[in-house]
Amino acid sequence: MKKSLFRLLAKLNKALLPKYHYRDLTKLKKWEKAIIGYKYWVTTNSLD
């Protein structure tokens, strides 16, 4: 149940949230860093 929920969140994140893989991570604002942290947390939990 938990894994399927995180997989669903990962798919929603991919579709809805902006992508930051080409940007310089040191120049991001705090809220952009929070989005990256959230995406990382969802991704790691969906893979476990």
PDB file of N, CA and C in Angstrom:
ATOM      1  N   MET A   1       0.829  -1.197   0.000  1.00  0.00           N
ATOM      2  CA  MET A   1       0.000   0.000   0.000  1.00  0.00           C
ATOM      3  C   MET A   1       0.869   1.255   0.000  1.00  0.00           C
ATOM      4  N   LYS A   2       1.842   1.297   0.903  1.00  0.00           N
ATOM      5  CA  LYS A   2       2.695   2.478   1.019  1.00  0.00           C
ATOM      6  C   LYS A   2       3.507   2.691  -0.258  1.00  0.00           C
ATOM      7  N   LYS A   3       4.055   1.605  -0.801  1.00  0.00           N
ATOM      8  CA  LYS A   3       4.873   1.712  -1.998  1.00  0.00           C
ATOM      9  C   LYS A   3       4.053   2.173  -3.198  1.00  0.00           C
ATOM     10  N   SER A   4       2.847   1.666  -3.315  1.00  0.00           N
ATOM     11  CA  SER A   4       2.007   2.073  -4.445  1.00  0.00           C
ATOM     12  C   SER A   4       1.583   3.538  -4.321  1.00  0.00           C
ATOM     13  N   LEU A   5       1.384   4.012  -3.093  1.00  0.00           N
ATOM     14  CA  LEU A   5       1.061   5.420  -2.882  1.00  0.00           C
ATOM     15  C   LEU A   5       2.211   6.313  -3.317  1.00  0.00           C
ATOM     16  N   PHE A   6       3.435   5.932  -2.957  1.00  0.00           N
ATOM     17  CA  PHE A   6       4.590   6.737  -3.342  1.00  0.00           C
ATOM     18  C   PHE A   6       4.848   6.664  -4.842  1.00  0.00           C
ATOM     19  N   ARG A   7       4.545   5.539  -5.467  1.00  0.00           N
ATOM     20  CA  ARG A   7       4.686   5.459  -6.925  1.00  0.00           C
ATOM     21  C   ARG A   7       3.687   6.380  -7.610  1.00  0.00           C
ATOM     22  N   LEU A   8       2.478   6.453  -7.089  1.00  0.00           N
ATOM     23  CA  LEU A   8       1.481   7.363  -7.631  1.00  0.00           C
ATOM     24  C   LEU A   8       1.930   8.817  -7.455  1.00  0.00           C
ATOM     25  N   LEU A   9       2.453   9.140  -6.277  1.00  0.00           N
ATOM     26  CA  LEU A   9       2.970  10.498  -6.036  1.00  0.00           C
ATOM     27  C   LEU A   9       4.129  10.820  -6.977  1.00  0.00           C
ATOM     28  N   ALA A  10       4.987   9.846  -7.240  1.00  0.00           N
ATOM     29  CA  ALA A  10       6.115  10.070  -8.142  1.00  0.00           C
ATOM     30  C   ALA A  10       5.627  10.382  -9.552  1.00  0.00           C
ATOM     31  N   LYS A  11       4.604   9.684 -10.003  1.00  0.00           N
ATOM     32  CA  LYS A  11       4.053   9.961 -11.334  1.00  0.00           C
ATOM     33  C   LYS A  11       3.403  11.341 -11.386  1.00  0.00           C
ATOM     34  N   LEU A  12       2.707  11.721 -10.324  1.00  0.00           N
ATOM     35  CA  LEU A  12       2.110  13.054 -10.270  1.00  0.00           C
ATOM     36  C   LEU A  12       3.175  14.142 -10.239  1.00  0.00           C
ATOM     37  N   ASN A  13       4.244  13.903  -9.483  1.00  0.00           N
ATOM     38  CA  ASN A  13       5.341  14.869  -9.419  1.00  0.00           C
ATOM     39  C   ASN A  13       5.965  15.077 -10.790  1.00  0.00           C
ATOM     40  N   LYS A  14       6.148  13.979 -11.508  1.00  0.00           N
ATOM     41  CA  LYS A  14       6.760  14.070 -12.822  1.00  0.00           C
ATOM     42  C   LYS A  14       5.895  14.875 -13.784  1.00  0.00           C
ATOM     43  N   ALA A  15       4.593  14.736 -13.640  1.00  0.00           N
ATOM     44  CA  ALA A  15       3.680  15.428 -14.549  1.00  0.00           C
ATOM     45  C   ALA A  15       3.446  16.881 -14.154  1.00  0.00           C
ATOM     46  N   LEU A  16       3.413  17.186 -12.865  1.00  0.00           N
ATOM     47  CA  LEU A  16       2.973  18.496 -12.413  1.00  0.00           C
ATOM     48  C   LEU A  16       4.081  19.450 -11.976  1.00  0.00           C
ATOM     49  N   LEU A  17       5.110  18.938 -11.341  1.00  0.00           N
ATOM     50  CA  LEU A  17       6.138  19.812 -10.783  1.00  0.00           C
ATOM     51  C   LEU A  17       7.225  20.125 -11.805  1.00  0.00           C
ATOM     52  N   PRO A  18       7.867  21.290 -11.684  1.00  0.00           N
ATOM     53  CA  PRO A  18       8.905  21.668 -12.650  1.00  0.00           C
ATOM     54  C   PRO A  18      10.151  20.795 -12.520  1.00  0.00           C
ATOM     55  N   LYS A  19      10.904  20.732 -13.597  1.00  0.00           N
ATOM     56  CA  LYS A  19      12.136  19.939 -13.620  1.00  0.00           C
ATOM     57  C   LYS A  19      13.327  20.866 -13.388  1.00  0.00           C
ATOM     58  N   TYR A  20      14.253  20.424 -12.560  1.00  0.00           N
ATOM     59  CA  TYR A  20      15.415  21.240 -12.198  1.00  0.00           C
ATOM     60  C   TYR A  20      16.733  20.575 -12.573  1.00  0.00           C
ATOM     61  N   HIS A  21      16.750  19.609 -13.454  1.00  0.00           N
ATOM     62  CA  HIS A  21      17.980  18.880 -13.718  1.00  0.00           C
ATOM     63  C   HIS A  21      18.981  19.657 -14.566  1.00  0.00           C
ATOM     64  N   TYR A  22      18.609  20.727 -15.213  1.00  0.00           N
ATOM     65  CA  TYR A  22      19.559  21.519 -15.982  1.00  0.00           C
ATOM     66  C   TYR A  22      19.948  22.817 -15.280  1.00  0.00           C
ATOM     67  N   ARG A  23      19.387  23.084 -14.134  1.00  0.00           N
ATOM     68  CA  ARG A  23      19.675  24.338 -13.431  1.00  0.00           C
ATOM     69  C   ARG A  23      20.794  24.142 -12.417  1.00  0.00           C
ATOM     70  N   ASP A  24      21.453  25.227 -12.105  1.00  0.00           N
ATOM     71  CA  ASP A  24      22.496  25.208 -11.081  1.00  0.00           C
ATOM     72  C   ASP A  24      21.814  25.163  -9.715  1.00  0.00           C
ATOM     73  N   LEU A  25      22.032  24.099  -8.979  1.00  0.00           N
ATOM     74  CA  LEU A  25      21.333  23.896  -7.709  1.00  0.00           C
ATOM     75  C   LEU A  25      21.741  24.892  -6.631  1.00  0.00           C
ATOM     76  N   THR A  26      22.908  25.493  -6.766  1.00  0.00           N
ATOM     77  CA  THR A  26      23.352  26.450  -5.751  1.00  0.00           C
ATOM     78  C   THR A  26      22.643  27.790  -5.883  1.00  0.00           C
ATOM     79  N   LYS A  27      22.022  28.061  -7.019  1.00  0.00           N
ATOM     80  CA  LYS A  27      21.358  29.342  -7.243  1.00  0.00           C
ATOM     81  C   LYS A  27      19.842  29.274  -7.069  1.00  0.00           C
ATOM     82  N   LEU A  28      19.338  28.168  -6.563  1.00  0.00           N
ATOM     83  CA  LEU A  28      17.887  28.022  -6.391  1.00  0.00           C
ATOM     84  C   LEU A  28      17.413  28.751  -5.143  1.00  0.00           C
ATOM     85  N   LYS A  29      16.158  29.134  -5.162  1.00  0.00           N
ATOM     86  CA  LYS A  29      15.527  29.746  -3.988  1.00  0.00           C
ATOM     87  C   LYS A  29      15.156  28.651  -2.997  1.00  0.00           C
ATOM     88  N   LYS A  30      14.799  29.062  -1.783  1.00  0.00           N
ATOM     89  CA  LYS A  30      14.493  28.083  -0.738  1.00  0.00           C
ATOM     90  C   LYS A  30      13.301  27.214  -1.093  1.00  0.00           C
ATOM     91  N   TRP A  31      12.269  27.794  -1.695  1.00  0.00           N
ATOM     92  CA  TRP A  31      11.094  27.003  -2.026  1.00  0.00           C
ATOM     93  C   TRP A  31      11.388  26.031  -3.169  1.00  0.00           C
ATOM     94  N   GLU A  32      12.319  26.376  -4.062  1.00  0.00           N
ATOM     95  CA  GLU A  32      12.711  25.450  -5.122  1.00  0.00           C
ATOM     96  C   GLU A  32      13.519  24.290  -4.555  1.00  0.00           C
ATOM     97  N   LYS A  33      14.354  24.592  -3.565  1.00  0.00           N
ATOM     98  CA  LYS A  33      15.098  23.524  -2.887  1.00  0.00           C
ATOM     99  C   LYS A  33      14.155  22.605  -2.130  1.00  0.00           C
ATOM    100  N   ALA A  34      13.091  23.166  -1.567  1.00  0.00           N
ATOM    101  CA  ALA A  34      12.097  22.348  -0.862  1.00  0.00           C
ATOM    102  C   ALA A  34      11.383  21.407  -1.838  1.00  0.00           C
ATOM    103  N   ILE A  35      11.101  21.881  -3.038  1.00  0.00           N
ATOM    104  CA  ILE A  35      10.472  21.022  -4.043  1.00  0.00           C
ATOM    105  C   ILE A  35      11.404  19.877  -4.427  1.00  0.00           C
ATOM    106  N   ILE A  36      12.684  20.178  -4.593  1.00  0.00           N
ATOM    107  CA  ILE A  36      13.647  19.131  -4.932  1.00  0.00           C
ATOM    108  C   ILE A  36      13.762  18.116  -3.798  1.00  0.00           C
ATOM    109  N   GLY A  37      13.769  18.593  -2.564  1.00  0.00           N
ATOM    110  CA  GLY A  37      13.812  17.689  -1.415  1.00  0.00           C
ATOM    111  C   GLY A  37      12.581  16.801  -1.341  1.00  0.00           C
ATOM    112  N   TYR A  38      11.423  17.369  -1.614  1.00  0.00           N
ATOM    113  CA  TYR A  38      10.187  16.598  -1.619  1.00  0.00           C
ATOM    114  C   TYR A  38      10.209  15.539  -2.717  1.00  0.00           C
ATOM    115  N   LYS A  39      10.669  15.921  -3.917  1.00  0.00           N
ATOM    116  CA  LYS A  39      10.739  14.972  -5.023  1.00  0.00           C
ATOM    117  C   LYS A  39      11.726  13.846  -4.705  1.00  0.00           C
ATOM    118  N   TYR A  40      12.838  14.180  -4.066  1.00  0.00           N
ATOM    119  CA  TYR A  40      13.818  13.170  -3.671  1.00  0.00           C
ATOM    120  C   TYR A  40      13.228  12.207  -2.650  1.00  0.00           C
ATOM    121  N   TRP A  41      12.506  12.737  -1.669  1.00  0.00           N
ATOM    122  CA  TRP A  41      11.892  11.914  -0.635  1.00  0.00           C
ATOM    123  C   TRP A  41      10.871  10.949  -1.232  1.00  0.00           C
ATOM    124  N   VAL A  42      10.047  11.435  -2.137  1.00  0.00           N
ATOM    125  CA  VAL A  42       9.043  10.579  -2.778  1.00  0.00           C
ATOM    126  C   VAL A  42       9.734   9.512  -3.623  1.00  0.00           C
ATOM    127  N   THR A  43      10.763   9.896  -4.359  1.00  0.00           N
ATOM    128  CA  THR A  43      11.456   8.939  -5.219  1.00  0.00           C
ATOM    129  C   THR A  43      12.114   7.830  -4.407  1.00  0.00           C
ATOM    130  N   THR A  44      12.797   8.184  -3.330  1.00  0.00           N
ATOM    131  CA  THR A  44      13.470   7.161  -2.527  1.00  0.00           C
ATOM    132  C   THR A  44      12.466   6.234  -1.866  1.00  0.00           C
ATOM    133  N   ASN A  45      11.326   6.750  -1.451  1.00  0.00           N
ATOM    134  CA  ASN A  45      10.326   5.889  -0.832  1.00  0.00           C
ATOM    135  C   ASN A  45       9.606   5.026  -1.856  1.00  0.00           C
ATOM    136  N   SER A  46       9.507   5.454  -3.089  1.00  0.00           N
ATOM    137  CA  SER A  46       8.853   4.637  -4.098  1.00  0.00           C
ATOM    138  C   SER A  46       9.770   3.500  -4.572  1.00  0.00           C
ATOM    139  N   LEU A  47      11.079   3.665  -4.406  1.00  0.00           N
ATOM    140  CA  LEU A  47      12.016   2.625  -4.821  1.00  0.00           C
ATOM    141  C   LEU A  47      12.239   1.566  -3.752  1.00  0.00           C
ATOM    142  N   ASP A  48      12.005   1.883  -2.512  1.00  0.00           N
ATOM    143  CA  ASP A  48      12.237   0.911  -1.421  1.00  0.00           C
ATOM    144  C   ASP A  48      11.248  -0.225  -1.445  1.00  0.00           C
TER     145      ASP A  48
END
